[in-house]
N, C-alpha and C. Protein backbone atom coordinates (compact mmCIF):
# COMPACT_ATOMS: atom_id res chain seq x y z
N MET A 1 135.59 99.40 29.75
CA MET A 1 136.34 100.11 30.66
C MET A 1 135.72 101.69 31.03
N HIS A 2 135.20 102.31 30.26
CA HIS A 2 134.13 103.24 30.94
C HIS A 2 133.54 103.11 31.79
N VAL A 3 132.73 102.08 31.85
CA VAL A 3 131.93 101.98 32.81
C VAL A 3 132.57 101.20 34.22
N TRP A 4 133.82 100.37 33.61
CA TRP A 4 134.62 100.04 35.18
C TRP A 4 135.45 100.91 35.89
N GLU A 5 135.72 101.93 35.10
CA GLU A 5 136.03 103.28 35.67
C GLU A 5 135.09 104.17 36.60
N ARG A 6 134.11 103.87 35.50
CA ARG A 6 132.79 104.82 36.38
C ARG A 6 132.14 104.10 37.85
N SER A 7 132.44 102.83 37.51
CA SER A 7 131.64 102.10 38.72
C SER A 7 132.71 102.08 40.45
N ARG A 8 134.12 101.88 39.70
CA ARG A 8 135.47 102.40 40.54
C ARG A 8 135.25 103.31 41.51
N GLU A 9 134.97 104.45 40.46
CA GLU A 9 134.87 106.12 41.06
C GLU A 9 134.02 106.14 41.95
N TYR A 10 132.48 105.21 41.88
CA TYR A 10 131.46 105.62 42.64
C TYR A 10 131.79 104.96 43.67
N VAL A 11 132.26 103.79 43.84
CA VAL A 11 132.44 102.48 44.88
C VAL A 11 133.08 103.37 46.10
N LYS A 12 134.69 103.81 44.87
CA LYS A 12 135.62 104.45 45.93
C LYS A 12 134.81 106.35 46.30
N LYS A 13 134.45 107.19 45.76
CA LYS A 13 134.25 108.26 46.25
C LYS A 13 132.15 108.13 47.51
N ALA A 14 131.39 107.74 46.25
CA ALA A 14 130.26 107.94 46.77
C ALA A 14 130.03 106.76 48.10
N GLY A 15 130.65 105.44 47.27
CA GLY A 15 130.17 104.63 48.68
C GLY A 15 130.85 104.67 49.10
N THR A 16 131.93 105.85 49.96
CA THR A 16 132.76 105.75 51.32
C THR A 16 131.60 106.60 52.31
N ILE A 17 130.82 107.70 51.35
CA ILE A 17 129.77 108.75 51.98
C ILE A 17 128.94 107.91 52.54
N ILE A 18 128.06 106.87 51.84
CA ILE A 18 126.85 105.83 51.83
C ILE A 18 127.66 105.53 53.14
N LEU A 19 128.88 104.65 53.16
CA LEU A 19 129.05 103.65 54.35
C LEU A 19 128.95 104.78 55.34
N ALA A 20 129.97 105.95 55.25
CA ALA A 20 129.74 106.81 56.55
C ALA A 20 127.99 107.03 57.31
N ILE A 21 127.39 107.62 56.39
CA ILE A 21 126.15 107.71 57.12
C ILE A 21 125.50 106.36 57.69
N VAL A 22 125.09 105.77 56.73
CA VAL A 22 124.70 103.91 57.72
C VAL A 22 125.76 103.90 58.66
N ILE A 23 126.55 103.94 59.08
CA ILE A 23 127.10 103.72 60.55
C ILE A 23 127.00 104.55 61.33
N VAL A 24 126.76 105.84 60.81
CA VAL A 24 126.04 107.34 61.67
C VAL A 24 124.35 106.44 62.51
N LEU A 25 124.32 106.21 60.90
CA LEU A 25 122.37 105.84 61.39
C LEU A 25 122.44 104.24 62.09
N TRP A 26 123.07 104.08 62.06
CA TRP A 26 123.54 102.44 62.75
C TRP A 26 123.29 102.94 64.45
N ALA A 27 124.71 103.69 64.81
CA ALA A 27 124.86 103.93 65.56
C ALA A 27 123.69 104.35 66.36
N LEU A 28 123.18 105.62 65.97
CA LEU A 28 122.01 106.29 66.42
C LEU A 28 121.04 105.04 67.73
N LYS A 29 120.84 104.51 66.34
CA LYS A 29 119.90 103.33 66.79
C LYS A 29 120.35 102.32 67.68
N THR A 30 121.75 101.95 68.18
CA THR A 30 122.05 101.14 68.82
C THR A 30 122.53 101.83 69.85
N TRP A 31 123.00 102.90 70.33
CA TRP A 31 123.34 103.53 71.42
C TRP A 31 122.12 104.68 72.00
N PRO A 32 122.05 104.89 73.18
CA PRO A 32 122.43 103.72 74.13
C PRO A 32 121.86 102.25 74.76
N ALA A 33 122.53 101.48 75.07
CA ALA A 33 122.27 100.40 74.93
C ALA A 33 121.35 99.94 75.92
N MET A 34 120.81 98.80 75.93
CA MET A 34 119.35 98.65 77.12
C MET A 34 120.35 98.01 78.06
N PRO A 35 119.49 98.32 79.52
CA PRO A 35 120.43 98.07 80.76
C PRO A 35 120.30 96.69 80.57
N GLU A 36 121.50 96.24 81.48
CA GLU A 36 121.85 94.63 81.42
C GLU A 36 120.65 94.09 82.48
N SER A 37 120.13 94.49 83.27
CA SER A 37 119.55 94.04 84.26
C SER A 37 117.93 93.80 83.08
N GLN A 38 118.02 94.70 82.38
CA GLN A 38 116.24 94.53 81.56
C GLN A 38 116.33 93.31 80.69
N ARG A 39 117.64 93.61 79.87
CA ARG A 39 117.90 92.48 79.06
C ARG A 39 118.18 90.70 79.63
N ARG A 40 118.68 90.91 80.71
CA ARG A 40 118.50 89.77 81.25
C ARG A 40 116.53 89.07 81.83
N GLN A 41 116.05 90.51 82.38
CA GLN A 41 114.15 90.16 81.71
C GLN A 41 113.94 89.60 80.60
N TYR A 42 114.22 89.92 79.96
CA TYR A 42 113.88 89.89 78.31
C TYR A 42 114.38 87.97 78.31
N ASP A 43 115.67 87.44 78.88
CA ASP A 43 116.29 86.37 78.80
C ASP A 43 115.41 85.39 79.67
N ALA A 44 115.02 85.41 80.48
CA ALA A 44 114.46 84.88 81.53
C ALA A 44 112.71 84.61 81.06
N MET A 45 112.46 85.74 80.15
CA MET A 45 110.85 85.37 79.66
C MET A 45 111.17 84.15 78.63
N ARG A 46 112.15 84.30 77.72
CA ARG A 46 112.05 83.33 76.96
C ARG A 46 112.67 82.08 77.60
N GLU A 47 113.40 81.93 78.08
CA GLU A 47 113.92 81.09 78.95
C GLU A 47 112.41 80.25 79.41
N SER A 48 111.54 80.97 80.20
CA SER A 48 110.42 80.59 81.28
C SER A 48 109.48 79.60 79.71
N ILE A 49 109.46 80.58 78.97
CA ILE A 49 108.35 79.84 77.88
C ILE A 49 109.13 78.83 77.54
N ARG A 50 110.28 78.12 76.71
CA ARG A 50 110.95 76.93 76.83
C ARG A 50 110.42 76.09 77.73
N ALA A 51 110.96 76.54 78.71
CA ALA A 51 110.74 75.55 79.94
C ALA A 51 108.89 74.82 79.83
N ASP A 52 108.01 76.08 79.41
CA ASP A 52 106.97 75.21 79.46
C ASP A 52 106.48 73.81 78.80
N ALA A 53 106.21 72.88 79.43
CA ALA A 53 105.76 71.80 78.62
C ALA A 53 103.98 72.00 78.07
N ASN A 54 103.29 72.75 78.63
CA ASN A 54 102.24 72.90 78.16
C ASN A 54 101.97 73.67 76.79
N LEU A 55 103.29 73.82 75.93
CA LEU A 55 103.02 74.78 75.14
C LEU A 55 104.07 73.93 73.77
N SER A 56 103.35 74.08 72.76
CA SER A 56 104.07 73.14 71.36
C SER A 56 105.03 73.92 71.02
N SER A 57 105.66 73.38 69.87
CA SER A 57 106.92 74.02 69.35
C SER A 57 106.50 75.17 68.79
N LEU A 58 105.52 75.64 68.07
CA LEU A 58 105.03 76.18 67.34
C LEU A 58 104.34 77.67 68.34
N GLU A 59 103.98 77.11 69.31
CA GLU A 59 103.45 78.16 70.24
C GLU A 59 104.67 78.57 71.18
N ILE A 60 105.37 78.01 71.50
CA ILE A 60 107.02 78.75 71.59
C ILE A 60 107.76 79.41 70.79
N ASP A 61 107.68 79.20 69.79
CA ASP A 61 108.26 79.98 68.74
C ASP A 61 107.51 81.34 68.62
N ASP A 62 105.97 81.26 68.61
CA ASP A 62 105.62 82.67 68.18
C ASP A 62 105.79 83.65 69.20
N ARG A 63 105.69 82.86 70.93
CA ARG A 63 105.69 83.94 71.91
C ARG A 63 107.25 84.38 71.58
N ILE A 64 108.04 83.59 71.67
CA ILE A 64 109.35 84.08 71.47
C ILE A 64 109.56 85.18 70.67
N ARG A 65 108.96 85.01 69.37
CA ARG A 65 109.34 85.79 68.44
C ARG A 65 108.69 87.32 68.76
N LEU A 66 107.10 87.48 69.42
CA LEU A 66 106.94 88.28 70.31
C LEU A 66 107.97 89.09 71.11
N ILE A 67 108.32 88.25 72.28
CA ILE A 67 109.21 88.67 73.29
C ILE A 67 110.44 89.64 72.26
N ASN A 68 111.10 89.09 71.43
CA ASN A 68 112.16 89.34 70.83
C ASN A 68 111.94 90.65 69.63
N LEU A 69 110.18 90.81 69.60
CA LEU A 69 109.97 92.59 68.86
C LEU A 69 109.77 92.93 69.78
N ASP A 70 109.30 93.06 70.52
CA ASP A 70 108.96 93.83 72.26
C ASP A 70 110.58 94.27 72.71
N GLN A 71 111.92 93.30 72.50
CA GLN A 71 112.45 93.42 73.52
C GLN A 71 113.28 94.67 72.01
N GLN A 72 113.46 94.68 70.47
CA GLN A 72 113.97 95.68 69.52
C GLN A 72 113.28 96.43 69.89
N ARG A 73 111.96 96.56 69.72
CA ARG A 73 110.79 98.07 70.02
C ARG A 73 111.12 98.75 70.94
N VAL A 74 111.84 98.08 72.53
CA VAL A 74 112.16 99.14 73.84
C VAL A 74 113.73 99.59 73.57
N GLU A 75 114.32 98.93 72.80
CA GLU A 75 115.90 99.05 72.26
C GLU A 75 115.76 100.49 71.55
N MET A 76 115.15 100.62 70.09
CA MET A 76 114.78 101.29 69.42
C MET A 76 114.24 102.47 70.20
N LEU A 77 113.08 102.45 70.97
CA LEU A 77 112.82 103.82 71.09
C LEU A 77 113.60 104.24 72.77
N ASN A 78 114.61 103.83 73.12
CA ASN A 78 114.96 104.14 74.04
C ASN A 78 116.55 104.69 73.35
N SER A 79 116.75 104.26 72.50
CA SER A 79 118.03 104.62 71.74
C SER A 79 118.25 105.89 71.09
N THR A 80 119.31 106.45 70.26
CA THR A 80 119.20 108.16 70.46
C THR A 80 118.11 108.13 69.10
N ILE A 81 118.13 107.72 68.31
CA ILE A 81 117.15 108.29 67.27
C ILE A 81 115.82 107.88 68.03
N GLY A 82 115.46 106.88 68.80
CA GLY A 82 114.11 107.55 69.04
C GLY A 82 113.51 108.48 70.05
N MET A 83 114.62 109.07 70.92
CA MET A 83 114.59 109.89 71.35
C MET A 83 114.57 111.48 70.69
N ILE A 84 114.97 111.18 69.41
CA ILE A 84 115.21 112.17 68.86
C ILE A 84 113.56 112.42 68.49
N GLY A 85 113.35 111.18 67.71
CA GLY A 85 112.28 111.05 66.83
C GLY A 85 110.77 111.42 67.78
N ARG A 86 110.97 111.78 69.32
CA ARG A 86 109.88 111.78 69.81
C ARG A 86 109.73 113.52 70.10
N GLY A 87 111.66 113.66 70.05
CA GLY A 87 111.65 115.06 70.21
C GLY A 87 110.85 115.99 68.74
N VAL A 88 111.25 115.36 67.52
CA VAL A 88 110.86 116.03 66.52
C VAL A 88 109.60 116.02 66.40
N ALA A 89 108.96 114.86 66.97
CA ALA A 89 107.39 115.12 66.90
C ALA A 89 106.62 116.21 66.75
N PRO A 90 106.71 117.21 67.70
CA PRO A 90 106.11 118.61 67.89
C PRO A 90 106.41 119.57 66.55
N VAL A 91 107.04 119.13 65.47
CA VAL A 91 107.37 119.95 64.48
C VAL A 91 106.72 119.16 63.44
N LEU A 92 106.11 117.60 63.40
CA LEU A 92 105.41 117.01 62.08
C LEU A 92 104.36 116.75 63.14
N ARG A 93 103.92 117.57 63.86
CA ARG A 93 102.56 117.69 63.93
C ARG A 93 100.98 117.81 63.29
N PRO A 94 102.00 119.48 62.70
CA PRO A 94 100.79 119.87 61.87
C PRO A 94 100.45 119.09 60.68
N CYS A 95 101.44 118.12 60.08
CA CYS A 95 101.67 117.13 59.30
C CYS A 95 100.74 115.89 59.45
N GLY A 96 100.13 115.81 60.61
CA GLY A 96 99.25 114.36 60.87
C GLY A 96 100.00 113.42 61.82
N PHE A 97 101.22 113.77 62.10
CA PHE A 97 101.91 112.57 62.86
C PHE A 97 102.37 112.61 63.97
N ASP A 98 102.51 111.04 64.35
CA ASP A 98 102.73 111.30 66.14
C ASP A 98 104.04 110.97 66.12
N TRP A 99 104.52 110.27 67.16
CA TRP A 99 105.94 110.19 67.65
C TRP A 99 106.33 109.28 67.10
N ARG A 100 105.19 107.91 66.67
CA ARG A 100 105.93 106.78 66.16
C ARG A 100 106.29 107.07 64.99
N ILE A 101 105.41 107.95 64.43
CA ILE A 101 105.53 108.18 62.97
C ILE A 101 106.72 108.61 62.49
N SER A 102 107.34 109.83 63.32
CA SER A 102 108.70 110.64 63.45
C SER A 102 109.72 109.65 63.96
N THR A 103 109.53 108.59 64.64
CA THR A 103 110.85 108.07 64.97
C THR A 103 111.05 107.05 63.52
N ALA A 104 109.56 106.55 63.25
CA ALA A 104 110.13 105.19 61.76
C ALA A 104 110.28 106.29 60.58
N LEU A 105 110.11 107.51 60.82
CA LEU A 105 110.53 108.55 59.12
C LEU A 105 112.31 108.29 59.78
N LEU A 106 112.81 109.04 60.50
CA LEU A 106 113.84 108.65 61.17
C LEU A 106 114.79 107.62 60.64
N GLY A 107 114.36 106.64 61.02
CA GLY A 107 114.64 104.81 61.16
C GLY A 107 114.85 105.04 59.31
N SER A 108 113.90 105.28 58.61
CA SER A 108 114.13 104.93 57.45
C SER A 108 115.00 106.25 56.31
N LEU A 109 116.21 106.95 56.97
CA LEU A 109 116.48 107.64 56.35
C LEU A 109 117.43 107.04 55.32
N ALA A 110 117.96 105.82 56.12
CA ALA A 110 119.17 104.97 54.82
C ALA A 110 118.09 104.63 53.48
N ALA A 111 117.25 103.96 53.68
CA ALA A 111 116.17 103.70 52.82
C ALA A 111 114.71 104.10 53.03
N LYS A 112 113.95 104.45 51.98
CA LYS A 112 112.52 104.83 52.73
C LYS A 112 111.38 103.78 52.61
N GLU A 113 111.93 102.70 51.63
CA GLU A 113 111.24 101.20 52.04
C GLU A 113 111.30 100.75 53.42
N VAL A 114 112.34 101.17 54.35
CA VAL A 114 112.28 100.46 55.65
C VAL A 114 111.43 101.29 56.24
N PHE A 115 110.89 102.34 56.09
CA PHE A 115 109.56 103.17 57.09
C PHE A 115 108.73 101.59 57.41
N ILE A 116 107.91 100.81 56.32
CA ILE A 116 106.98 99.96 57.20
C ILE A 116 107.67 98.97 58.25
N GLY A 117 108.98 98.48 58.07
CA GLY A 117 109.62 97.96 58.87
C GLY A 117 109.72 98.18 60.57
N GLN A 118 109.91 99.61 59.99
CA GLN A 118 110.34 100.16 61.54
C GLN A 118 109.05 100.44 61.80
N MET A 119 107.69 100.61 61.24
CA MET A 119 106.08 100.90 62.03
C MET A 119 106.08 99.60 62.51
N GLY A 120 106.59 98.66 61.77
CA GLY A 120 106.35 97.01 62.81
C GLY A 120 106.95 96.98 63.99
N LEU A 121 108.54 97.85 63.72
CA LEU A 121 109.13 96.96 64.61
C LEU A 121 108.77 97.97 66.09
N ILE A 122 108.17 99.29 65.85
CA ILE A 122 108.08 100.09 67.08
C ILE A 122 106.31 99.59 67.66
N TYR A 123 105.23 98.98 67.16
CA TYR A 123 104.35 97.99 67.04
C TYR A 123 104.76 97.14 67.79
N SER A 124 105.36 96.24 67.52
CA SER A 124 106.00 94.94 68.27
C SER A 124 105.17 94.11 67.54
N VAL A 125 104.98 93.94 65.84
CA VAL A 125 103.81 93.13 65.10
C VAL A 125 104.71 91.97 64.83
N ALA A 126 104.27 91.10 64.54
CA ALA A 126 104.84 89.94 64.47
C ALA A 126 104.16 89.89 62.73
N ASP A 127 104.94 89.30 62.05
CA ASP A 127 104.94 89.12 60.37
C ASP A 127 103.45 88.32 60.18
N GLU A 128 102.70 88.07 59.12
CA GLU A 128 101.21 88.10 59.20
C GLU A 128 101.25 86.37 58.81
N GLY A 129 102.74 86.05 58.69
CA GLY A 129 102.34 84.05 58.68
C GLY A 129 102.33 83.80 60.08
N SER A 130 102.36 84.58 61.82
CA SER A 130 102.75 84.29 62.37
C SER A 130 100.98 84.43 62.94
N ASN A 131 100.81 82.65 64.01
CA ASN A 131 99.35 82.69 64.90
C ASN A 131 99.07 83.67 65.45
N THR A 132 100.02 84.61 65.87
CA THR A 132 99.84 85.28 67.09
C THR A 132 99.48 86.96 66.84
N GLY A 133 99.06 87.36 67.75
CA GLY A 133 99.17 89.21 67.69
C GLY A 133 98.16 89.65 66.16
N GLU A 134 97.59 91.34 66.48
CA GLU A 134 97.18 91.45 65.34
C GLU A 134 98.14 91.96 64.51
N THR A 135 97.67 92.05 62.56
CA THR A 135 98.60 92.49 61.99
C THR A 135 99.05 94.08 61.87
N LEU A 136 100.32 94.49 61.22
CA LEU A 136 100.25 96.08 61.65
C LEU A 136 99.26 96.51 60.42
N ARG A 137 98.64 95.80 59.74
CA ARG A 137 97.69 96.77 59.26
C ARG A 137 96.59 96.94 59.75
N SER A 138 95.93 96.14 60.50
CA SER A 138 94.78 96.67 61.54
C SER A 138 95.27 97.53 62.59
N LYS A 139 96.49 97.14 63.10
CA LYS A 139 96.95 98.13 64.25
C LYS A 139 96.92 99.50 64.10
N LEU A 140 97.69 99.77 62.48
CA LEU A 140 97.54 101.21 61.88
C LEU A 140 96.07 101.83 61.44
N SER A 141 95.38 101.12 61.35
CA SER A 141 94.09 101.33 60.90
C SER A 141 93.46 101.78 61.63
N GLY A 142 93.31 101.18 63.24
CA GLY A 142 92.72 101.25 64.41
C GLY A 142 93.59 103.07 65.02
N ASP A 143 94.47 103.29 64.57
CA ASP A 143 95.01 104.33 65.22
C ASP A 143 95.47 105.52 64.42
N TYR A 144 95.30 105.73 62.79
CA TYR A 144 95.12 106.11 61.74
C TYR A 144 94.37 106.45 61.22
N THR A 145 93.95 107.50 60.97
CA THR A 145 93.07 107.81 59.42
C THR A 145 93.38 107.36 57.99
N PRO A 146 92.36 107.72 56.88
CA PRO A 146 92.69 107.44 55.55
C PRO A 146 93.64 108.46 55.24
N LEU A 147 92.94 109.85 55.85
CA LEU A 147 93.48 110.96 55.50
C LEU A 147 95.27 110.83 55.94
N GLN A 148 95.77 110.72 56.85
CA GLN A 148 97.06 110.43 57.77
C GLN A 148 97.76 109.44 56.79
N GLY A 149 97.33 108.82 56.45
CA GLY A 149 97.95 107.25 55.47
C GLY A 149 98.21 108.27 54.15
N ILE A 150 97.50 108.96 53.64
CA ILE A 150 97.75 109.75 52.22
C ILE A 150 98.82 110.75 52.56
N CYS A 151 99.20 111.43 54.25
CA CYS A 151 99.71 112.37 54.26
C CYS A 151 101.29 111.65 54.47
N ILE A 152 101.17 110.83 54.68
CA ILE A 152 102.47 109.70 55.06
C ILE A 152 103.07 109.52 53.54
N MET A 153 102.48 109.00 53.14
CA MET A 153 102.62 108.50 51.78
C MET A 153 103.66 109.70 51.11
N LEU A 154 102.84 111.03 51.23
CA LEU A 154 102.85 112.03 50.41
C LEU A 154 104.21 112.46 50.74
N PHE A 155 104.67 112.94 52.22
CA PHE A 155 105.64 113.06 52.68
C PHE A 155 107.17 112.55 52.46
N ILE A 156 106.66 110.77 52.37
CA ILE A 156 108.10 110.07 51.92
C ILE A 156 107.79 110.26 50.14
N LEU A 157 107.16 110.51 49.74
CA LEU A 157 107.08 110.36 48.07
C LEU A 157 108.34 111.81 48.22
N ILE A 158 107.87 113.08 48.46
CA ILE A 158 108.48 114.28 48.49
C ILE A 158 109.78 114.21 48.95
N SER A 159 109.56 114.22 50.15
CA SER A 159 110.96 114.40 51.34
C SER A 159 112.39 113.52 50.64
N SER A 160 113.62 114.03 51.26
CA SER A 160 114.97 113.96 50.87
C SER A 160 114.75 112.09 50.21
N PRO A 161 115.54 112.28 49.11
CA PRO A 161 116.01 110.75 48.76
C PRO A 161 116.70 110.24 49.80
N CYS A 162 116.61 108.81 49.14
CA CYS A 162 117.82 108.13 50.53
C CYS A 162 119.14 108.39 50.49
N VAL A 163 119.97 107.65 51.37
CA VAL A 163 121.27 108.30 51.47
C VAL A 163 122.40 108.14 50.44
N ALA A 164 121.86 106.95 49.65
CA ALA A 164 122.56 106.79 48.33
C ALA A 164 122.68 108.15 47.68
N THR A 165 121.32 108.45 47.24
CA THR A 165 121.25 109.36 46.27
C THR A 165 122.10 111.07 46.42
N VAL A 166 121.49 111.07 47.85
CA VAL A 166 122.36 112.20 48.27
C VAL A 166 123.79 112.01 48.10
N ALA A 167 124.33 111.17 48.52
CA ALA A 167 126.03 110.76 48.63
C ALA A 167 126.40 111.01 46.90
N VAL A 168 125.35 110.61 46.30
CA VAL A 168 126.12 110.71 44.40
C VAL A 168 125.80 112.04 44.47
N THR A 169 124.78 113.22 44.84
CA THR A 169 124.77 114.41 44.68
C THR A 169 125.82 115.22 45.20
N ILE A 170 126.50 114.61 46.21
CA ILE A 170 127.68 115.04 46.83
C ILE A 170 129.01 114.75 46.26
N LYS A 171 129.16 114.14 45.51
CA LYS A 171 130.02 113.14 44.99
C LYS A 171 129.88 113.70 43.43
N GLU A 172 129.02 113.73 42.86
CA GLU A 172 128.55 114.51 41.61
C GLU A 172 129.26 116.32 41.47
N SER A 173 128.80 116.47 42.51
CA SER A 173 128.71 118.21 42.81
C SER A 173 130.24 118.73 43.47
N GLY A 174 130.55 117.83 43.86
CA GLY A 174 131.64 117.71 44.69
C GLY A 174 131.95 118.43 46.07
N SER A 175 130.72 118.96 46.33
CA SER A 175 130.78 119.56 47.82
C SER A 175 129.33 119.10 48.21
N TRP A 176 129.88 119.21 50.08
CA TRP A 176 128.60 118.95 50.63
C TRP A 176 127.90 119.71 50.87
N LYS A 177 127.91 121.17 50.56
CA LYS A 177 126.41 121.36 50.46
C LYS A 177 125.63 121.45 49.57
N TRP A 178 125.71 120.78 48.41
CA TRP A 178 124.65 120.63 47.50
C TRP A 178 123.46 119.66 48.07
N GLY A 179 124.63 118.70 48.56
CA GLY A 179 123.63 117.36 49.31
C GLY A 179 123.12 117.69 50.63
N LEU A 180 123.23 118.76 50.97
CA LEU A 180 122.36 118.90 52.40
C LEU A 180 121.30 119.90 51.91
N LEU A 181 121.66 120.71 50.67
CA LEU A 181 120.38 121.78 50.15
C LEU A 181 119.12 120.76 49.95
N GLN A 182 120.02 119.40 49.11
CA GLN A 182 119.32 118.96 48.32
C GLN A 182 117.88 118.07 49.77
N TRP A 183 118.79 117.80 50.61
CA TRP A 183 117.88 117.31 51.86
C TRP A 183 117.19 118.16 52.21
N GLY A 184 117.51 119.52 52.87
CA GLY A 184 116.87 120.07 53.47
C GLY A 184 115.39 121.11 52.98
N TYR A 185 115.68 121.56 51.13
CA TYR A 185 114.97 121.66 50.73
C TYR A 185 113.57 120.81 50.45
N LEU A 186 114.03 119.30 50.37
CA LEU A 186 112.87 118.23 49.90
C LEU A 186 112.27 118.38 50.92
N THR A 187 113.00 118.11 52.14
CA THR A 187 112.40 117.81 53.40
C THR A 187 111.24 119.13 53.98
N VAL A 188 111.55 120.26 53.69
CA VAL A 188 111.30 121.29 53.55
C VAL A 188 109.49 121.61 53.11
N LEU A 189 110.18 120.90 51.88
CA LEU A 189 108.87 121.19 50.63
C LEU A 189 107.65 120.40 51.13
N ALA A 190 108.49 118.57 51.49
CA ALA A 190 107.41 117.76 51.83
C ALA A 190 106.63 118.01 53.43
N TRP A 191 107.33 118.90 54.35
CA TRP A 191 106.55 119.70 55.33
C TRP A 191 105.23 120.18 54.90
N ILE A 192 105.48 121.47 54.00
CA ILE A 192 104.33 122.23 53.88
C ILE A 192 103.39 121.41 53.01
N VAL A 193 103.59 120.76 51.87
CA VAL A 193 102.52 120.22 50.86
C VAL A 193 102.19 119.48 52.06
N THR A 194 102.72 118.81 52.87
CA THR A 194 101.82 117.77 53.86
C THR A 194 100.89 118.32 54.91
N THR A 195 101.62 119.21 55.62
CA THR A 195 100.17 120.06 56.02
C THR A 195 99.56 120.65 55.73
N ALA A 196 99.91 121.31 54.55
CA ALA A 196 98.45 122.08 53.85
C ALA A 196 97.50 120.63 52.85
N VAL A 197 98.06 119.60 53.10
CA VAL A 197 96.88 118.49 53.01
C VAL A 197 96.08 117.99 53.92
N TYR A 198 97.10 117.75 55.42
CA TYR A 198 96.43 117.22 56.01
C TYR A 198 95.52 118.44 56.74
N GLN A 199 95.97 119.82 57.23
CA GLN A 199 94.91 120.61 57.56
C GLN A 199 93.42 120.80 56.43
N ALA A 200 94.04 120.86 55.37
CA ALA A 200 92.48 121.18 54.18
C ALA A 200 91.53 119.93 54.50
N GLY A 201 92.62 118.67 54.81
CA GLY A 201 91.48 117.57 54.59
C GLY A 201 90.58 117.73 56.21
N SER A 202 91.60 117.70 56.95
CA SER A 202 90.59 117.45 58.50
C SER A 202 89.71 118.63 57.96
N LEU A 203 90.06 120.06 58.22
CA LEU A 203 88.98 121.57 57.81
C LEU A 203 87.65 120.58 57.26
N LEU A 204 87.74 119.79 56.43
CA LEU A 204 86.65 119.68 55.00
C LEU A 204 85.82 118.28 55.47
N SER A 205 86.22 117.15 56.52
CA SER A 205 85.89 116.23 57.24
C SER A 205 85.16 116.52 58.16
N ALA A 206 85.41 117.71 58.98
CA ALA A 206 85.19 118.22 60.39
C ALA A 206 83.51 118.57 60.35
């Protein structure tokens, strides 16, 4: 009975906070929507590939997958969260991050493990089982140094936990103040530590 009461209380209070935050993040990643003319261009590209008799079914599937990924990438970059990501990029530049990493970090606020998926979406990379395109690993290794990779992991490790943890903090403390303080304090701490590591590493490798 005690477990049931605590679980019900969690779903009733913390669950509603989690749902509200997730809805806000979804809205930021969805709006503004892609213009209808641009959407029709992607539809026309897919239809053109399906109508190509020289392509096998596997090739058709691979090419359509890449078109879908590119469409999702454009939609995300033109969304509110994409614009915010480019806006905060200068703040995160001392950490060794560019606009792509900044946008992926914002997109992974709901859960940190989503970061890799967000980077794959930004790069418009198919999964490793596909026969086309480079893998995300090869693209990241070409654009970023090992030091930047370490800094990304360090920032994600220290920065604010997922929204579920913040929601539980708000619920248990009975105040939004402590949840926002947790989010702000850990994010600032992550920025300070990551900046120090990146700047020191850059000086040593110069």
